[in-house]
Amino acid sequence: MTFRNLRLALAPVAVLSGGLLLSWNASASVINTLLTGSTGTVTVSLPSLIFNNDPAAGAGCTTTLGRGCNSDVTTNTTLSFIGGPLAVQEGIYVNNNDLTLTSPSASDANQFLTFAGHPNLVFSMVWPPGPGSPNTNCATANSNGLSCSVFAGSPIVLTYLNGHTSASVGVVGKASDTGVAGLAGGSTYSGGFSQTFTDVLPNGTAPTPQNIQLFFCPGVVCTPADFASGRNVTTSQSGSFTATSIPEPSSIFLGSLGVVMLLVGAKFRKSHGTRV
């Protein structure tokens, strides 16, 4: 086989490799970290986290869902994607304005985060959020680093911190810069929201994990009446979401490339020694 013939035989390999690699890269191009919530607040109750309108995003801010903006992009965001970067204080809409444990939040899991200036960028979320802490006795969360959740199944983890409380909710999912249709092949991410309770609670007690539990559930064990009570606390919130993994080349790509190389190799062996 001459060099010219070998080059022609290898041409399909280059075409196939390039096309599949371009497809692979395009489907998982979201990478690095999104930081959110410089001026946003969240209202916490037993059944939900309600994200309130974010003034930093500007009046009339909306995303592709047409529901306003309840968070915004903060400085030090390093998220990279096709069509980026994000602008500081660009409006974000968080999952149907809430993170309740029931619908309609679950139905919006594929549009967990959407963006005012980048309609093709979307984050999904594995439902439900969390999990929270297995410890529901918040009286034991009484020194730095010890944690609890107010009730079993709550996604919110309360952590004692120098006399006040850090509350966090973890999420994982996919990120796509080609809309919801690109989520299946999108980058994976992990992250969540955090809130810091430093003000005295509405019942006049210090914001420790134990006092937060007693505020929401005075009998320690939460009852249906406690869930229906409407008791809530509003505090600042922030979020951090890092896309850390890009899918490996697919088995289709590797298998197809292998088949083509075998065919080329067979042809080369068959014609080896025959000069034209």
C-alpha atoms as a PDB file:
ATOM      1  CA  MET A   1       0.000   0.000   0.000  1.00  0.00           C
ATOM      2  CA  THR A   2       1.410   3.393  -0.959  1.00  0.00           C
ATOM      3  CA  PHE A   3       1.451   6.373   1.373  1.00  0.00           C
ATOM      4  CA  ARG A   4      -1.293   7.939  -0.722  1.00  0.00           C
ATOM      5  CA  ASN A   5      -3.522   4.884  -0.378  1.00  0.00           C
ATOM      6  CA  LEU A   6      -2.861   4.665   3.365  1.00  0.00           C
ATOM      7  CA  ARG A   7      -3.790   8.312   3.737  1.00  0.00           C
ATOM      8  CA  LEU A   8      -7.059   7.713   1.879  1.00  0.00           C
ATOM      9  CA  ALA A   9      -7.793   4.685   4.041  1.00  0.00           C
ATOM     10  CA  LEU A  10      -7.252   6.669   7.231  1.00  0.00           C
ATOM     11  CA  ALA A  11      -9.479   9.540   6.126  1.00  0.00           C
ATOM     12  CA  PRO A  12     -12.662   7.967   7.562  1.00  0.00           C
ATOM     13  CA  VAL A  13     -10.901   7.598  10.914  1.00  0.00           C
ATOM     14  CA  ALA A  14     -10.174  11.324  11.056  1.00  0.00           C
ATOM     15  CA  VAL A  15     -13.704  12.259  10.015  1.00  0.00           C
ATOM     16  CA  LEU A  16     -15.308   9.896  12.513  1.00  0.00           C
ATOM     17  CA  SER A  17     -12.978  10.892  15.336  1.00  0.00           C
ATOM     18  CA  GLY A  18     -13.424  14.599  14.750  1.00  0.00           C
ATOM     19  CA  GLY A  19     -17.195  14.430  14.466  1.00  0.00           C
ATOM     20  CA  LEU A  20     -17.669  12.321  17.569  1.00  0.00           C
ATOM     21  CA  LEU A  21     -15.221  14.352  19.623  1.00  0.00           C
ATOM     22  CA  LEU A  22     -16.936  17.586  18.612  1.00  0.00           C
ATOM     23  CA  SER A  23     -20.276  16.103  19.622  1.00  0.00           C
ATOM     24  CA  TRP A  24     -18.847  14.905  22.932  1.00  0.00           C
ATOM     25  CA  ASN A  25     -17.209  18.222  23.799  1.00  0.00           C
ATOM     26  CA  ALA A  26     -20.267  20.261  22.825  1.00  0.00           C
ATOM     27  CA  SER A  27     -22.541  18.209  25.059  1.00  0.00           C
ATOM     28  CA  ALA A  28     -20.442  18.633  28.211  1.00  0.00           C
ATOM     29  CA  SER A  29     -18.781  22.027  27.960  1.00  0.00           C
ATOM     30  CA  VAL A  30     -20.050  23.571  31.228  1.00  0.00           C
ATOM     31  CA  ILE A  31     -17.195  23.588  33.732  1.00  0.00           C
ATOM     32  CA  ASN A  32     -15.960  25.369  36.899  1.00  0.00           C
ATOM     33  CA  THR A  33     -17.916  27.260  39.571  1.00  0.00           C
ATOM     34  CA  LEU A  34     -21.087  29.347  39.731  1.00  0.00           C
ATOM     35  CA  LEU A  35     -21.503  31.557  42.823  1.00  0.00           C
ATOM     36  CA  THR A  36     -24.918  33.068  43.581  1.00  0.00           C
ATOM     37  CA  GLY A  37     -26.937  35.238  45.906  1.00  0.00           C
ATOM     38  CA  SER A  38     -25.112  38.446  46.816  1.00  0.00           C
ATOM     39  CA  THR A  39     -28.295  40.253  47.896  1.00  0.00           C
ATOM     40  CA  GLY A  40     -30.876  37.484  47.770  1.00  0.00           C
ATOM     41  CA  THR A  41     -32.866  36.322  50.775  1.00  0.00           C
ATOM     42  CA  VAL A  42     -34.718  33.111  51.532  1.00  0.00           C
ATOM     43  CA  THR A  43     -37.710  32.499  53.796  1.00  0.00           C
ATOM     44  CA  VAL A  44     -37.394  29.222  55.682  1.00  0.00           C
ATOM     45  CA  SER A  45     -40.380  27.280  57.001  1.00  0.00           C
ATOM     46  CA  LEU A  46     -40.815  23.606  57.831  1.00  0.00           C
ATOM     47  CA  PRO A  47     -42.092  22.535  54.412  1.00  0.00           C
ATOM     48  CA  SER A  48     -40.152  24.882  52.140  1.00  0.00           C
ATOM     49  CA  LEU A  49     -37.413  27.333  51.280  1.00  0.00           C
ATOM     50  CA  ILE A  50     -38.904  30.320  49.450  1.00  0.00           C
ATOM     51  CA  PHE A  51     -36.419  32.380  47.435  1.00  0.00           C
ATOM     52  CA  ASN A  52     -37.482  36.023  47.441  1.00  0.00           C
ATOM     53  CA  ASN A  53     -37.084  38.520  44.594  1.00  0.00           C
ATOM     54  CA  ASP A  54     -33.464  39.630  44.318  1.00  0.00           C
ATOM     55  CA  PRO A  55     -32.990  43.426  44.043  1.00  0.00           C
ATOM     56  CA  ALA A  56     -29.493  43.082  42.574  1.00  0.00           C
ATOM     57  CA  ALA A  57     -30.949  41.433  39.474  1.00  0.00           C
ATOM     58  CA  GLY A  58     -32.955  44.566  38.687  1.00  0.00           C
ATOM     59  CA  ALA A  59     -36.644  45.361  38.352  1.00  0.00           C
ATOM     60  CA  GLY A  60     -38.380  43.392  35.640  1.00  0.00           C
ATOM     61  CA  CYS A  61     -35.670  40.731  35.533  1.00  0.00           C
ATOM     62  CA  THR A  62     -36.862  37.439  34.087  1.00  0.00           C
ATOM     63  CA  THR A  63     -35.414  34.205  32.689  1.00  0.00           C
ATOM     64  CA  THR A  64     -36.656  31.799  30.044  1.00  0.00           C
ATOM     65  CA  LEU A  65     -39.330  30.573  32.478  1.00  0.00           C
ATOM     66  CA  GLY A  66     -40.783  34.094  32.696  1.00  0.00           C
ATOM     67  CA  ARG A  67     -41.042  34.047  36.478  1.00  0.00           C
ATOM     68  CA  GLY A  68     -38.700  36.778  37.671  1.00  0.00           C
ATOM     69  CA  CYS A  69     -35.279  36.518  39.342  1.00  0.00           C
ATOM     70  CA  ASN A  70     -34.701  35.430  42.924  1.00  0.00           C
ATOM     71  CA  SER A  71     -30.917  35.171  42.934  1.00  0.00           C
ATOM     72  CA  ASP A  72     -27.973  36.621  41.014  1.00  0.00           C
ATOM     73  CA  VAL A  73     -24.451  35.836  39.879  1.00  0.00           C
ATOM     74  CA  THR A  74     -21.760  37.013  42.285  1.00  0.00           C
ATOM     75  CA  THR A  75     -18.119  37.977  41.845  1.00  0.00           C
ATOM     76  CA  ASN A  76     -15.484  35.221  41.602  1.00  0.00           C
ATOM     77  CA  THR A  77     -17.782  33.082  39.479  1.00  0.00           C
ATOM     78  CA  THR A  78     -15.587  31.076  37.091  1.00  0.00           C
ATOM     79  CA  LEU A  79     -18.245  29.118  35.202  1.00  0.00           C
ATOM     80  CA  SER A  80     -17.183  28.450  31.619  1.00  0.00           C
ATOM     81  CA  PHE A  81     -19.600  27.414  28.868  1.00  0.00           C
ATOM     82  CA  ILE A  82     -20.436  28.006  25.212  1.00  0.00           C
ATOM     83  CA  GLY A  83     -21.981  31.477  24.992  1.00  0.00           C
ATOM     84  CA  GLY A  84     -20.464  32.611  28.321  1.00  0.00           C
ATOM     85  CA  PRO A  85     -19.297  34.119  30.555  1.00  0.00           C
ATOM     86  CA  LEU A  86     -21.999  35.121  33.024  1.00  0.00           C
ATOM     87  CA  ALA A  87     -22.236  38.780  34.051  1.00  0.00           C
ATOM     88  CA  VAL A  88     -21.928  39.779  37.697  1.00  0.00           C
ATOM     89  CA  GLN A  89     -25.438  40.351  39.137  1.00  0.00           C
ATOM     90  CA  GLU A  90     -27.039  38.606  36.169  1.00  0.00           C
ATOM     91  CA  GLY A  91     -30.440  37.394  37.330  1.00  0.00           C
ATOM     92  CA  ILE A  92     -31.076  33.747  38.186  1.00  0.00           C
ATOM     93  CA  TYR A  93     -34.362  31.984  38.762  1.00  0.00           C
ATOM     94  CA  VAL A  94     -34.282  29.182  41.340  1.00  0.00           C
ATOM     95  CA  ASN A  95     -36.551  26.151  40.943  1.00  0.00           C
ATOM     96  CA  ASN A  96     -40.129  27.495  40.887  1.00  0.00           C
ATOM     97  CA  ASN A  97     -39.202  30.032  43.591  1.00  0.00           C
ATOM     98  CA  ASP A  98     -38.899  27.311  46.210  1.00  0.00           C
ATOM     99  CA  LEU A  99     -37.355  24.040  47.269  1.00  0.00           C
ATOM    100  CA  THR A 100     -40.398  22.372  48.799  1.00  0.00           C
ATOM    101  CA  LEU A 101     -40.434  18.613  49.168  1.00  0.00           C
ATOM    102  CA  THR A 102     -43.594  18.281  47.062  1.00  0.00           C
ATOM    103  CA  SER A 103     -44.830  19.515  43.681  1.00  0.00           C
ATOM    104  CA  PRO A 104     -44.543  21.908  41.918  1.00  0.00           C
ATOM    105  CA  SER A 105     -40.849  21.903  42.810  1.00  0.00           C
ATOM    106  CA  ALA A 106     -40.325  18.333  41.623  1.00  0.00           C
ATOM    107  CA  SER A 107     -41.811  19.103  38.221  1.00  0.00           C
ATOM    108  CA  ASP A 108     -39.237  21.873  37.681  1.00  0.00           C
ATOM    109  CA  ALA A 109     -36.190  19.760  38.538  1.00  0.00           C
ATOM    110  CA  ASN A 110     -34.928  19.954  34.920  1.00  0.00           C
ATOM    111  CA  GLN A 111     -34.951  23.765  35.148  1.00  0.00           C
ATOM    112  CA  PHE A 112     -33.516  24.131  38.627  1.00  0.00           C
ATOM    113  CA  LEU A 113     -31.403  27.174  37.683  1.00  0.00           C
ATOM    114  CA  THR A 114     -32.090  29.375  34.645  1.00  0.00           C
ATOM    115  CA  PHE A 115     -30.385  32.647  33.707  1.00  0.00           C
ATOM    116  CA  ALA A 116     -31.616  36.049  32.527  1.00  0.00           C
ATOM    117  CA  GLY A 117     -28.878  36.681  29.960  1.00  0.00           C
ATOM    118  CA  HIS A 118     -28.123  33.136  28.813  1.00  0.00           C
ATOM    119  CA  PRO A 119     -31.288  31.245  27.860  1.00  0.00           C
ATOM    120  CA  ASN A 120     -29.390  28.132  26.737  1.00  0.00           C
ATOM    121  CA  LEU A 121     -27.669  27.634  30.111  1.00  0.00           C
ATOM    122  CA  VAL A 122     -29.634  25.431  32.494  1.00  0.00           C
ATOM    123  CA  PHE A 123     -28.927  23.387  35.626  1.00  0.00           C
ATOM    124  CA  SER A 124     -31.063  20.389  36.531  1.00  0.00           C
ATOM    125  CA  MET A 125     -31.322  18.852  39.999  1.00  0.00           C
ATOM    126  CA  VAL A 126     -31.629  15.269  41.204  1.00  0.00           C
ATOM    127  CA  TRP A 127     -34.841  15.271  43.239  1.00  0.00           C
ATOM    128  CA  PRO A 128     -35.228  15.560  46.201  1.00  0.00           C
ATOM    129  CA  PRO A 129     -32.485  17.875  47.512  1.00  0.00           C
ATOM    130  CA  GLY A 130     -30.317  16.809  50.415  1.00  0.00           C
ATOM    131  CA  PRO A 131     -30.216  14.488  52.259  1.00  0.00           C
ATOM    132  CA  GLY A 132     -30.112  16.237  55.596  1.00  0.00           C
ATOM    133  CA  SER A 133     -28.547  15.084  58.842  1.00  0.00           C
ATOM    134  CA  PRO A 134     -29.574  11.739  60.391  1.00  0.00           C
ATOM    135  CA  ASN A 135     -29.465  13.486  63.789  1.00  0.00           C
ATOM    136  CA  THR A 136     -32.812  15.101  64.681  1.00  0.00           C
ATOM    137  CA  ASN A 137     -31.909  15.855  68.297  1.00  0.00           C
ATOM    138  CA  CYS A 138     -30.673  19.417  67.810  1.00  0.00           C
ATOM    139  CA  ALA A 139     -29.914  19.771  71.527  1.00  0.00           C
ATOM    140  CA  THR A 140     -26.754  17.767  70.800  1.00  0.00           C
ATOM    141  CA  ALA A 141     -25.603  20.254  68.137  1.00  0.00           C
ATOM    142  CA  ASN A 142     -24.171  22.553  70.784  1.00  0.00           C
ATOM    143  CA  SER A 143     -20.538  23.087  69.815  1.00  0.00           C
ATOM    144  CA  ASN A 144     -18.735  24.132  66.653  1.00  0.00           C
ATOM    145  CA  GLY A 145     -19.178  21.716  63.766  1.00  0.00           C
ATOM    146  CA  LEU A 146     -21.971  19.595  65.270  1.00  0.00           C
ATOM    147  CA  SER A 147     -25.056  19.279  63.077  1.00  0.00           C
ATOM    148  CA  CYS A 148     -28.686  18.207  63.013  1.00  0.00           C
ATOM    149  CA  SER A 149     -31.892  18.496  60.988  1.00  0.00           C
ATOM    150  CA  VAL A 150     -35.145  19.759  62.481  1.00  0.00           C
ATOM    151  CA  PHE A 151     -37.095  16.671  61.381  1.00  0.00           C
ATOM    152  CA  ALA A 152     -36.371  13.352  59.678  1.00  0.00           C
ATOM    153  CA  GLY A 153     -36.355  13.861  55.917  1.00  0.00           C
ATOM    154  CA  SER A 154     -35.545  17.570  56.037  1.00  0.00           C
ATOM    155  CA  PRO A 155     -32.888  18.450  53.443  1.00  0.00           C
ATOM    156  CA  ILE A 156     -31.615  21.336  55.613  1.00  0.00           C
ATOM    157  CA  VAL A 157     -28.548  20.688  57.765  1.00  0.00           C
ATOM    158  CA  LEU A 158     -28.133  23.019  60.773  1.00  0.00           C
ATOM    159  CA  THR A 159     -24.557  23.401  62.040  1.00  0.00           C
ATOM    160  CA  TYR A 160     -23.598  25.150  65.285  1.00  0.00           C
ATOM    161  CA  LEU A 161     -21.065  27.923  64.708  1.00  0.00           C
ATOM    162  CA  ASN A 162     -19.921  30.162  67.571  1.00  0.00           C
ATOM    163  CA  GLY A 163     -23.385  30.646  69.033  1.00  0.00           C
ATOM    164  CA  HIS A 164     -25.252  30.978  65.773  1.00  0.00           C
ATOM    165  CA  THR A 165     -26.182  28.553  62.999  1.00  0.00           C
ATOM    166  CA  SER A 166     -25.155  27.808  59.435  1.00  0.00           C
ATOM    167  CA  ALA A 167     -27.931  26.129  57.444  1.00  0.00           C
ATOM    168  CA  SER A 168     -27.132  24.317  54.200  1.00  0.00           C
ATOM    169  CA  VAL A 169     -28.928  22.358  51.480  1.00  0.00           C
ATOM    170  CA  GLY A 170     -26.953  20.128  49.115  1.00  0.00           C
ATOM    171  CA  VAL A 171     -27.879  19.456  45.478  1.00  0.00           C
ATOM    172  CA  VAL A 172     -26.409  17.533  42.536  1.00  0.00           C
ATOM    173  CA  GLY A 173     -27.385  17.371  38.882  1.00  0.00           C
ATOM    174  CA  LYS A 174     -26.418  18.198  35.315  1.00  0.00           C
ATOM    175  CA  ALA A 175     -25.516  21.480  33.597  1.00  0.00           C
ATOM    176  CA  SER A 176     -26.076  22.195  29.896  1.00  0.00           C
ATOM    177  CA  ASP A 177     -25.368  25.151  27.617  1.00  0.00           C
ATOM    178  CA  THR A 178     -27.712  23.814  24.912  1.00  0.00           C
ATOM    179  CA  GLY A 179     -30.935  23.977  26.912  1.00  0.00           C
ATOM    180  CA  VAL A 180     -32.908  21.216  28.580  1.00  0.00           C
ATOM    181  CA  ALA A 181     -32.358  18.937  25.575  1.00  0.00           C
ATOM    182  CA  GLY A 182     -28.609  18.919  26.305  1.00  0.00           C
ATOM    183  CA  LEU A 183     -28.871  17.831  29.945  1.00  0.00           C
ATOM    184  CA  ALA A 184     -28.551  14.111  29.201  1.00  0.00           C
ATOM    185  CA  GLY A 185     -25.041  14.671  27.841  1.00  0.00           C
ATOM    186  CA  GLY A 186     -24.238  17.629  30.073  1.00  0.00           C
ATOM    187  CA  SER A 187     -21.554  18.123  32.706  1.00  0.00           C
ATOM    188  CA  THR A 188     -22.244  16.903  36.224  1.00  0.00           C
ATOM    189  CA  TYR A 189     -22.134  19.352  39.130  1.00  0.00           C
ATOM    190  CA  SER A 190     -22.496  19.390  42.894  1.00  0.00           C
ATOM    191  CA  GLY A 191     -23.160  22.255  45.281  1.00  0.00           C
ATOM    192  CA  GLY A 192     -25.922  23.872  47.258  1.00  0.00           C
ATOM    193  CA  PHE A 193     -27.232  26.849  49.166  1.00  0.00           C
ATOM    194  CA  SER A 194     -26.224  28.111  52.584  1.00  0.00           C
ATOM    195  CA  GLN A 195     -27.782  30.572  55.002  1.00  0.00           C
ATOM    196  CA  THR A 196     -26.370  31.985  58.237  1.00  0.00           C
ATOM    197  CA  PHE A 197     -28.717  32.683  61.134  1.00  0.00           C
ATOM    198  CA  THR A 198     -27.201  35.427  63.305  1.00  0.00           C
ATOM    199  CA  ASP A 199     -30.258  37.492  64.327  1.00  0.00           C
ATOM    200  CA  VAL A 200     -32.407  36.653  67.322  1.00  0.00           C
ATOM    201  CA  LEU A 201     -35.250  34.340  66.296  1.00  0.00           C
ATOM    202  CA  PRO A 202     -38.857  35.647  66.210  1.00  0.00           C
ATOM    203  CA  ASN A 203     -39.490  33.989  69.593  1.00  0.00           C
ATOM    204  CA  GLY A 204     -36.647  36.000  71.168  1.00  0.00           C
ATOM    205  CA  THR A 205     -34.090  33.194  71.465  1.00  0.00           C
ATOM    206  CA  ALA A 206     -30.523  32.941  70.153  1.00  0.00           C
ATOM    207  CA  PRO A 207     -30.223  31.309  66.700  1.00  0.00           C
ATOM    208  CA  THR A 208     -28.696  27.986  67.774  1.00  0.00           C
ATOM    209  CA  PRO A 209     -29.722  24.699  66.131  1.00  0.00           C
ATOM    210  CA  GLN A 210     -31.663  23.670  69.233  1.00  0.00           C
ATOM    211  CA  ASN A 211     -33.549  26.976  69.421  1.00  0.00           C
ATOM    212  CA  ILE A 212     -34.327  26.854  65.696  1.00  0.00           C
ATOM    213  CA  GLN A 213     -35.805  23.390  66.170  1.00  0.00           C
ATOM    214  CA  LEU A 214     -37.862  24.556  69.154  1.00  0.00           C
ATOM    215  CA  PHE A 215     -39.060  27.631  67.238  1.00  0.00           C
ATOM    216  CA  PHE A 216     -40.457  25.506  64.444  1.00  0.00           C
ATOM    217  CA  CYS A 217     -41.476  22.508  66.584  1.00  0.00           C
ATOM    218  CA  PRO A 218     -42.044  23.521  70.243  1.00  0.00           C
ATOM    219  CA  GLY A 219     -42.515  19.885  71.264  1.00  0.00           C
ATOM    220  CA  VAL A 220     -39.171  18.925  69.627  1.00  0.00           C
ATOM    221  CA  VAL A 221     -40.890  16.286  67.453  1.00  0.00           C
ATOM    222  CA  CYS A 222     -42.590  18.116  64.586  1.00  0.00           C
ATOM    223  CA  THR A 223     -46.340  17.582  64.227  1.00  0.00           C
ATOM    224  CA  PRO A 224     -48.755  18.221  61.325  1.00  0.00           C
ATOM    225  CA  ALA A 225     -49.872  21.350  63.199  1.00  0.00           C
ATOM    226  CA  ASP A 226     -46.273  22.602  63.202  1.00  0.00           C
ATOM    227  CA  PHE A 227     -46.053  22.169  59.413  1.00  0.00           C
ATOM    228  CA  ALA A 228     -49.312  24.085  59.002  1.00  0.00           C
ATOM    229  CA  SER A 229     -48.387  26.845  61.460  1.00  0.00           C
ATOM    230  CA  GLY A 230     -46.737  29.162  58.938  1.00  0.00           C
ATOM    231  CA  ARG A 231     -43.813  29.890  61.264  1.00  0.00           C
ATOM    232  CA  ASN A 232     -40.863  31.129  59.220  1.00  0.00           C
ATOM    233  CA  VAL A 233     -37.561  32.994  59.317  1.00  0.00           C
ATOM    234  CA  THR A 234     -36.087  35.150  56.524  1.00  0.00           C
ATOM    235  CA  THR A 235     -32.326  35.362  56.144  1.00  0.00           C
ATOM    236  CA  SER A 236     -29.631  35.984  53.541  1.00  0.00           C
ATOM    237  CA  GLN A 237     -28.572  33.148  51.253  1.00  0.00           C
ATOM    238  CA  SER A 238     -25.749  32.237  48.921  1.00  0.00           C
ATOM    239  CA  GLY A 239     -25.000  29.342  46.618  1.00  0.00           C
ATOM    240  CA  SER A 240     -22.017  27.542  45.133  1.00  0.00           C
ATOM    241  CA  PHE A 241     -22.239  25.024  42.281  1.00  0.00           C
ATOM    242  CA  THR A 242     -19.181  23.417  40.703  1.00  0.00           C
ATOM    243  CA  ALA A 243     -19.191  21.415  37.475  1.00  0.00           C
ATOM    244  CA  THR A 244     -16.254  19.103  38.040  1.00  0.00           C
ATOM    245  CA  SER A 245     -16.596  16.213  35.628  1.00  0.00           C
ATOM    246  CA  ILE A 246     -16.865  15.915  31.879  1.00  0.00           C
ATOM    247  CA  PRO A 247     -18.117  12.563  30.524  1.00  0.00           C
ATOM    248  CA  GLU A 248     -15.466  10.254  29.126  1.00  0.00           C
ATOM    249  CA  PRO A 249     -15.536   9.558  25.352  1.00  0.00           C
ATOM    250  CA  SER A 250     -18.538   7.340  24.738  1.00  0.00           C
ATOM    251  CA  SER A 251     -18.353   3.634  24.077  1.00  0.00           C
ATOM    252  CA  ILE A 252     -19.860   4.381  20.659  1.00  0.00           C
ATOM    253  CA  PHE A 253     -16.877   6.589  19.831  1.00  0.00           C
ATOM    254  CA  LEU A 254     -14.307   4.076  21.070  1.00  0.00           C
ATOM    255  CA  GLY A 255     -16.050   1.113  19.461  1.00  0.00           C
ATOM    256  CA  SER A 256     -16.512   2.840  16.101  1.00  0.00           C
ATOM    257  CA  LEU A 257     -12.925   4.035  16.080  1.00  0.00           C
ATOM    258  CA  GLY A 258     -11.727   0.502  16.848  1.00  0.00           C
ATOM    259  CA  VAL A 259     -13.748  -1.023  13.994  1.00  0.00           C
ATOM    260  CA  VAL A 260     -12.404   1.489  11.480  1.00  0.00           C
ATOM    261  CA  MET A 261      -8.818   0.914  12.636  1.00  0.00           C
ATOM    262  CA  LEU A 262      -9.239  -2.866  12.321  1.00  0.00           C
ATOM    263  CA  LEU A 263     -10.540  -2.495   8.770  1.00  0.00           C
ATOM    264  CA  VAL A 264      -7.665  -0.213   7.822  1.00  0.00           C
ATOM    265  CA  GLY A 265      -5.173  -2.592   9.417  1.00  0.00           C
ATOM    266  CA  ALA A 266      -6.597  -5.573   7.546  1.00  0.00           C
ATOM    267  CA  LYS A 267      -6.398  -3.718   4.256  1.00  0.00           C
ATOM    268  CA  PHE A 268      -2.835  -2.667   4.981  1.00  0.00           C
ATOM    269  CA  ARG A 269      -1.764  -6.245   5.832  1.00  0.00           C
ATOM    270  CA  LYS A 270      -3.446  -7.597   2.693  1.00  0.00           C
ATOM    271  CA  SER A 271      -1.681  -5.188   0.407  1.00  0.00           C
ATOM    272  CA  HIS A 272       1.634  -4.967   2.279  1.00  0.00           C
ATOM    273  CA  GLY A 273       4.508  -5.670  -0.027  1.00  0.00           C
ATOM    274  CA  THR A 274       2.594  -4.835  -3.145  1.00  0.00           C
ATOM    275  CA  ARG A 275       3.979  -1.638  -4.591  1.00  0.00           C
ATOM    276  CA  VAL A 276       2.095   0.350  -7.195  1.00  0.00           C
END
